[in-house]
C-alpha cells in the first residue's frame, strides 16, 4: 500500500515538472508525459485508497 502511494507521489511530481517544462503546452513533446503521468498518478492513488 505504501509503495503505491510513494509511486503516485513520485509520478505526480514528475508530471508536474513536465507540465512546467511544456511552457503552457507550447512545447508539444511534453504533452504526452504530462497526460500519462497524471493518469498513472491518479490510478495509483485510487489503487492505494482501495487497498486501504
N, C-alpha and C. Protein backbone atom coordinates (compact mmCIF):
# COMPACT_ATOMS: atom_id res chain seq x y z
N UNK A 1 0.83 -1.18 0.00
CA UNK A 1 0.00 0.00 0.00
C UNK A 1 0.88 1.26 0.00
N UNK A 2 1.92 1.27 0.83
CA UNK A 2 2.77 2.46 0.88
C UNK A 2 3.62 2.62 -0.37
N UNK A 3 3.92 1.49 -1.02
CA UNK A 3 4.71 1.56 -2.26
C UNK A 3 3.91 2.22 -3.37
N UNK A 4 2.62 1.91 -3.45
CA UNK A 4 1.80 2.53 -4.49
C UNK A 4 1.60 4.02 -4.21
N UNK A 5 1.48 4.39 -2.95
CA UNK A 5 1.34 5.80 -2.59
C UNK A 5 2.63 6.56 -2.92
N UNK A 6 3.76 5.97 -2.60
CA UNK A 6 5.04 6.61 -2.91
C UNK A 6 5.23 6.76 -4.41
N UNK A 7 4.86 5.73 -5.16
CA UNK A 7 4.97 5.80 -6.62
C UNK A 7 4.05 6.87 -7.18
N UNK A 8 2.83 6.98 -6.63
CA UNK A 8 1.90 8.01 -7.09
C UNK A 8 2.46 9.40 -6.84
N UNK A 9 3.08 9.60 -5.71
CA UNK A 9 3.64 10.92 -5.39
C UNK A 9 4.80 11.24 -6.33
N UNK A 10 5.69 10.27 -6.53
CA UNK A 10 6.84 10.50 -7.40
C UNK A 10 6.41 10.77 -8.84
N UNK A 11 5.45 10.00 -9.32
CA UNK A 11 4.97 10.19 -10.69
C UNK A 11 4.27 11.54 -10.83
N UNK A 12 3.53 11.95 -9.81
CA UNK A 12 2.87 13.25 -9.89
C UNK A 12 3.88 14.40 -9.90
N UNK A 13 4.95 14.26 -9.14
CA UNK A 13 5.99 15.29 -9.16
C UNK A 13 6.64 15.38 -10.54
N UNK A 14 6.91 14.23 -11.14
CA UNK A 14 7.50 14.21 -12.49
C UNK A 14 6.53 14.82 -13.50
N UNK A 15 5.25 14.51 -13.38
CA UNK A 15 4.25 15.06 -14.30
C UNK A 15 4.13 16.57 -14.13
N UNK A 16 4.22 17.05 -12.90
CA UNK A 16 4.15 18.49 -12.65
C UNK A 16 5.37 19.20 -13.22
N UNK A 17 6.54 18.60 -13.07
CA UNK A 17 7.74 19.17 -13.66
C UNK A 17 7.65 19.18 -15.19
N UNK A 18 7.05 18.13 -15.75
CA UNK A 18 6.84 18.09 -17.20
C UNK A 18 5.86 19.17 -17.64
N UNK A 19 4.86 19.43 -16.80
CA UNK A 19 3.90 20.49 -17.11
C UNK A 19 4.58 21.85 -17.14
N UNK A 20 5.48 22.07 -16.21
CA UNK A 20 6.23 23.33 -16.22
C UNK A 20 7.15 23.41 -17.43
N UNK A 21 7.74 22.27 -17.81
CA UNK A 21 8.64 22.25 -18.97
C UNK A 21 7.89 22.46 -20.27
N UNK A 22 6.59 22.15 -20.28
CA UNK A 22 5.82 22.30 -21.52
C UNK A 22 5.54 23.76 -21.85
N UNK A 23 5.75 24.65 -20.88
CA UNK A 23 5.56 26.08 -21.08
C UNK A 23 4.15 26.39 -21.58
N UNK A 24 3.18 25.93 -20.80
CA UNK A 24 1.79 26.19 -21.16
C UNK A 24 1.35 25.43 -22.40
N UNK A 25 1.86 24.23 -22.57
CA UNK A 25 1.58 23.35 -23.71
C UNK A 25 2.05 23.94 -25.04
N UNK A 26 3.02 24.83 -24.99
CA UNK A 26 3.59 25.36 -26.23
C UNK A 26 4.62 24.40 -26.81
N UNK A 27 5.28 23.65 -25.94
CA UNK A 27 6.24 22.63 -26.39
C UNK A 27 5.50 21.30 -26.43
N UNK A 28 5.21 20.85 -27.63
CA UNK A 28 4.33 19.70 -27.83
C UNK A 28 4.89 18.38 -27.31
N UNK A 29 6.22 18.25 -27.26
CA UNK A 29 6.79 16.96 -26.85
C UNK A 29 6.57 16.66 -25.37
N UNK A 30 6.15 17.63 -24.58
CA UNK A 30 5.93 17.42 -23.16
C UNK A 30 4.48 17.08 -22.82
N UNK A 31 3.60 17.12 -23.81
CA UNK A 31 2.18 16.86 -23.54
C UNK A 31 1.95 15.40 -23.14
N UNK A 32 2.58 14.46 -23.83
CA UNK A 32 2.40 13.03 -23.53
C UNK A 32 2.87 12.68 -22.11
N UNK A 33 4.07 13.12 -21.68
CA UNK A 33 4.46 12.80 -20.29
C UNK A 33 3.54 13.42 -19.24
N UNK A 34 3.00 14.59 -19.52
CA UNK A 34 2.08 15.22 -18.56
C UNK A 34 0.81 14.39 -18.43
N UNK A 35 0.20 14.05 -19.54
CA UNK A 35 -1.06 13.30 -19.50
C UNK A 35 -0.85 11.91 -18.93
N UNK A 36 0.19 11.21 -19.40
CA UNK A 36 0.46 9.86 -18.90
C UNK A 36 0.81 9.88 -17.41
N UNK A 37 1.56 10.88 -17.00
CA UNK A 37 1.94 10.97 -15.60
C UNK A 37 0.77 11.19 -14.68
N UNK A 38 -0.11 12.11 -15.05
CA UNK A 38 -1.27 12.36 -14.19
C UNK A 38 -2.24 11.19 -14.19
N UNK A 39 -2.43 10.55 -15.33
CA UNK A 39 -3.30 9.37 -15.35
C UNK A 39 -2.74 8.24 -14.48
N UNK A 40 -1.45 7.99 -14.59
CA UNK A 40 -0.82 6.95 -13.77
C UNK A 40 -0.87 7.32 -12.29
N UNK A 41 -0.65 8.59 -11.99
CA UNK A 41 -0.68 9.02 -10.59
C UNK A 41 -2.06 8.86 -9.97
N UNK A 42 -3.09 9.27 -10.69
CA UNK A 42 -4.44 9.13 -10.16
C UNK A 42 -4.85 7.66 -10.05
N UNK A 43 -4.41 6.83 -10.99
CA UNK A 43 -4.71 5.40 -10.89
C UNK A 43 -4.04 4.79 -9.66
N UNK A 44 -2.78 5.13 -9.43
CA UNK A 44 -2.09 4.59 -8.26
C UNK A 44 -2.69 5.11 -6.96
N UNK A 45 -3.13 6.35 -6.96
CA UNK A 45 -3.80 6.89 -5.78
C UNK A 45 -5.11 6.17 -5.52
N UNK A 46 -5.86 5.89 -6.58
CA UNK A 46 -7.11 5.14 -6.43
C UNK A 46 -6.81 3.73 -5.92
N UNK A 47 -5.75 3.13 -6.45
CA UNK A 47 -5.38 1.78 -6.02
C UNK A 47 -4.97 1.80 -4.56
N UNK A 48 -4.26 2.80 -4.13
CA UNK A 48 -3.86 2.92 -2.73
C UNK A 48 -5.08 3.03 -1.83
N UNK A 49 -6.03 3.86 -2.20
CA UNK A 49 -7.22 4.04 -1.37
C UNK A 49 -8.11 2.81 -1.36
N UNK A 50 -8.14 2.06 -2.44
CA UNK A 50 -8.98 0.87 -2.47
C UNK A 50 -8.33 -0.29 -1.70
N UNK A 51 -7.01 -0.29 -1.58
CA UNK A 51 -6.33 -1.34 -0.81
C UNK A 51 -6.40 -1.10 0.69
N UNK A 52 -6.54 0.18 1.06
CA UNK A 52 -6.53 0.53 2.49
C UNK A 52 -7.82 0.24 3.12
